[in-house]
Amino acid sequence: MSRSVRRPKRWGIRPHALEPTCEDLSRIAKAGTDVVTLSLDIVTRLASETLARLLAANAAANDPRMIVAYGGIMQTTSSRGPAAPNGASGPR
């Protein structure tokens, strides 16, 4: 196992992959020109659901540890531009 995998594990850092459903993937496959917008909407929904589940689990276990979400290559500006009103950036 590589050092880059072992060290975060030792610190208690665990990745949680987003898991789109078969229905999500089917909708993406049929989206045509709306594929980017639909994909970003699905990623937003899945990330929100995953974070809500993790936060609830921490609260139920009285676990004070922080949960950090990182969107990788996603743009991280504080507001949405007119070209992408439903894009990845913004308050959600």
C-alpha atoms as a PDB file:
ATOM      1  CA  MET A   1       0.000   0.000   0.000  1.00  0.00           C
ATOM      2  CA  SER A   2       1.401   3.384  -0.921  1.00  0.00           C
ATOM      3  CA  ARG A   3       2.327   6.022   1.624  1.00  0.00           C
ATOM      4  CA  SER A   4      -0.289   8.395   0.148  1.00  0.00           C
ATOM      5  CA  VAL A   5      -2.998   5.869   1.074  1.00  0.00           C
ATOM      6  CA  ARG A   6      -1.664   4.775   4.477  1.00  0.00           C
ATOM      7  CA  ARG A   7      -1.074   8.211   5.982  1.00  0.00           C
ATOM      8  CA  PRO A   8      -4.633   9.591   5.584  1.00  0.00           C
ATOM      9  CA  LYS A   9      -6.019   6.275   6.855  1.00  0.00           C
ATOM     10  CA  ARG A  10      -3.829   6.580   9.969  1.00  0.00           C
ATOM     11  CA  TRP A  11      -5.263  10.058  10.555  1.00  0.00           C
ATOM     12  CA  GLY A  12      -8.834   8.762  10.297  1.00  0.00           C
ATOM     13  CA  ILE A  13      -9.437  10.264   6.863  1.00  0.00           C
ATOM     14  CA  ARG A  14     -11.781   8.120   4.798  1.00  0.00           C
ATOM     15  CA  PRO A  15     -12.963   8.839   1.257  1.00  0.00           C
ATOM     16  CA  HIS A  16     -16.626   8.410   0.442  1.00  0.00           C
ATOM     17  CA  ALA A  17     -17.275   7.969  -3.262  1.00  0.00           C
ATOM     18  CA  LEU A  18     -20.516   9.231  -4.734  1.00  0.00           C
ATOM     19  CA  GLU A  19     -22.625   6.330  -5.985  1.00  0.00           C
ATOM     20  CA  PRO A  20     -25.040   7.235  -8.777  1.00  0.00           C
ATOM     21  CA  THR A  21     -27.955   4.858  -9.251  1.00  0.00           C
ATOM     22  CA  CYS A  22     -28.659   2.984 -12.480  1.00  0.00           C
ATOM     23  CA  GLU A  23     -31.482   5.491 -13.031  1.00  0.00           C
ATOM     24  CA  ASP A  24     -29.030   8.408 -12.626  1.00  0.00           C
ATOM     25  CA  LEU A  25     -26.648   6.870 -15.157  1.00  0.00           C
ATOM     26  CA  SER A  26     -29.484   6.142 -17.581  1.00  0.00           C
ATOM     27  CA  ARG A  27     -30.685   9.752 -17.371  1.00  0.00           C
ATOM     28  CA  ILE A  28     -27.128  10.970 -18.018  1.00  0.00           C
ATOM     29  CA  ALA A  29     -26.766   8.642 -21.007  1.00  0.00           C
ATOM     30  CA  LYS A  30     -30.001  10.022 -22.522  1.00  0.00           C
ATOM     31  CA  ALA A  31     -29.377  13.691 -21.654  1.00  0.00           C
ATOM     32  CA  GLY A  32     -28.016  14.770 -25.032  1.00  0.00           C
ATOM     33  CA  THR A  33     -26.910  18.396 -24.985  1.00  0.00           C
ATOM     34  CA  ASP A  34     -28.006  18.759 -21.343  1.00  0.00           C
ATOM     35  CA  VAL A  35     -25.520  16.118 -20.163  1.00  0.00           C
ATOM     36  CA  VAL A  36     -23.202  18.512 -18.302  1.00  0.00           C
ATOM     37  CA  THR A  37     -25.999  20.324 -16.458  1.00  0.00           C
ATOM     38  CA  LEU A  38     -27.746  17.074 -15.548  1.00  0.00           C
ATOM     39  CA  SER A  39     -24.468  15.471 -14.423  1.00  0.00           C
ATOM     40  CA  LEU A  40     -23.665  18.427 -12.177  1.00  0.00           C
ATOM     41  CA  ASP A  41     -27.193  18.348 -10.730  1.00  0.00           C
ATOM     42  CA  ILE A  42     -26.793  14.646  -9.926  1.00  0.00           C
ATOM     43  CA  VAL A  43     -23.359  15.203  -8.371  1.00  0.00           C
ATOM     44  CA  THR A  44     -24.789  18.036  -6.261  1.00  0.00           C
ATOM     45  CA  ARG A  45     -27.676  15.845  -5.079  1.00  0.00           C
ATOM     46  CA  LEU A  46     -25.428  12.883  -4.280  1.00  0.00           C
ATOM     47  CA  ALA A  47     -22.891  15.041  -2.437  1.00  0.00           C
ATOM     48  CA  SER A  48     -25.645  16.729  -0.404  1.00  0.00           C
ATOM     49  CA  GLU A  49     -27.206  13.372   0.509  1.00  0.00           C
ATOM     50  CA  THR A  50     -23.841  11.848   1.439  1.00  0.00           C
ATOM     51  CA  LEU A  51     -22.818  14.816   3.577  1.00  0.00           C
ATOM     52  CA  ALA A  52     -26.198  14.899   5.332  1.00  0.00           C
ATOM     53  CA  ARG A  53     -25.874  11.173   6.124  1.00  0.00           C
ATOM     54  CA  LEU A  54     -22.311  11.584   7.440  1.00  0.00           C
ATOM     55  CA  LEU A  55     -23.226  14.615   9.557  1.00  0.00           C
ATOM     56  CA  ALA A  56     -26.238  12.792  11.027  1.00  0.00           C
ATOM     57  CA  ALA A  57     -24.077   9.775  11.855  1.00  0.00           C
ATOM     58  CA  ASN A  58     -21.528  12.011  13.618  1.00  0.00           C
ATOM     59  CA  ALA A  59     -24.287  13.753  15.563  1.00  0.00           C
ATOM     60  CA  ALA A  60     -25.888  10.436  16.596  1.00  0.00           C
ATOM     61  CA  ALA A  61     -22.513   9.122  17.786  1.00  0.00           C
ATOM     62  CA  ASN A  62     -21.697  12.419  19.531  1.00  0.00           C
ATOM     63  CA  ASP A  63     -18.600  12.503  17.332  1.00  0.00           C
ATOM     64  CA  PRO A  64     -17.126  16.020  17.218  1.00  0.00           C
ATOM     65  CA  ARG A  65     -14.821  15.345  14.266  1.00  0.00           C
ATOM     66  CA  MET A  66     -15.026  17.577  11.234  1.00  0.00           C
ATOM     67  CA  ILE A  67     -16.297  16.373   7.871  1.00  0.00           C
ATOM     68  CA  VAL A  68     -14.505  17.888   4.896  1.00  0.00           C
ATOM     69  CA  ALA A  69     -15.937  17.759   1.393  1.00  0.00           C
ATOM     70  CA  TYR A  70     -13.677  18.285  -1.586  1.00  0.00           C
ATOM     71  CA  GLY A  71     -15.010  18.495  -5.106  1.00  0.00           C
ATOM     72  CA  GLY A  72     -11.701  17.861  -6.822  1.00  0.00           C
ATOM     73  CA  ILE A  73     -11.595  19.629 -10.148  1.00  0.00           C
ATOM     74  CA  MET A  74     -14.951  21.354  -9.641  1.00  0.00           C
ATOM     75  CA  GLN A  75     -14.950  25.143  -9.731  1.00  0.00           C
ATOM     76  CA  THR A  76     -15.203  26.650  -6.262  1.00  0.00           C
ATOM     77  CA  THR A  77     -16.343  30.237  -6.630  1.00  0.00           C
ATOM     78  CA  SER A  78     -18.828  31.863  -4.285  1.00  0.00           C
ATOM     79  CA  SER A  79     -21.413  32.714  -6.939  1.00  0.00           C
ATOM     80  CA  ARG A  80     -22.821  31.284 -10.135  1.00  0.00           C
ATOM     81  CA  GLY A  81     -22.274  33.057 -13.396  1.00  0.00           C
ATOM     82  CA  PRO A  82     -25.012  33.649 -15.980  1.00  0.00           C
ATOM     83  CA  ALA A  83     -23.547  30.972 -18.273  1.00  0.00           C
ATOM     84  CA  ALA A  84     -24.039  28.243 -15.656  1.00  0.00           C
ATOM     85  CA  PRO A  85     -26.952  29.130 -13.353  1.00  0.00           C
ATOM     86  CA  ASN A  86     -27.216  25.494 -12.234  1.00  0.00           C
ATOM     87  CA  GLY A  87     -23.503  24.782 -12.352  1.00  0.00           C
ATOM     88  CA  ALA A  88     -21.185  23.330  -9.741  1.00  0.00           C
ATOM     89  CA  SER A  89     -20.255  26.604  -8.115  1.00  0.00           C
ATOM     90  CA  GLY A  90     -22.329  28.473  -5.598  1.00  0.00           C
ATOM     91  CA  PRO A  91     -23.714  28.236  -2.092  1.00  0.00           C
ATOM     92  CA  ARG A  92     -24.635  24.539  -2.260  1.00  0.00           C
END
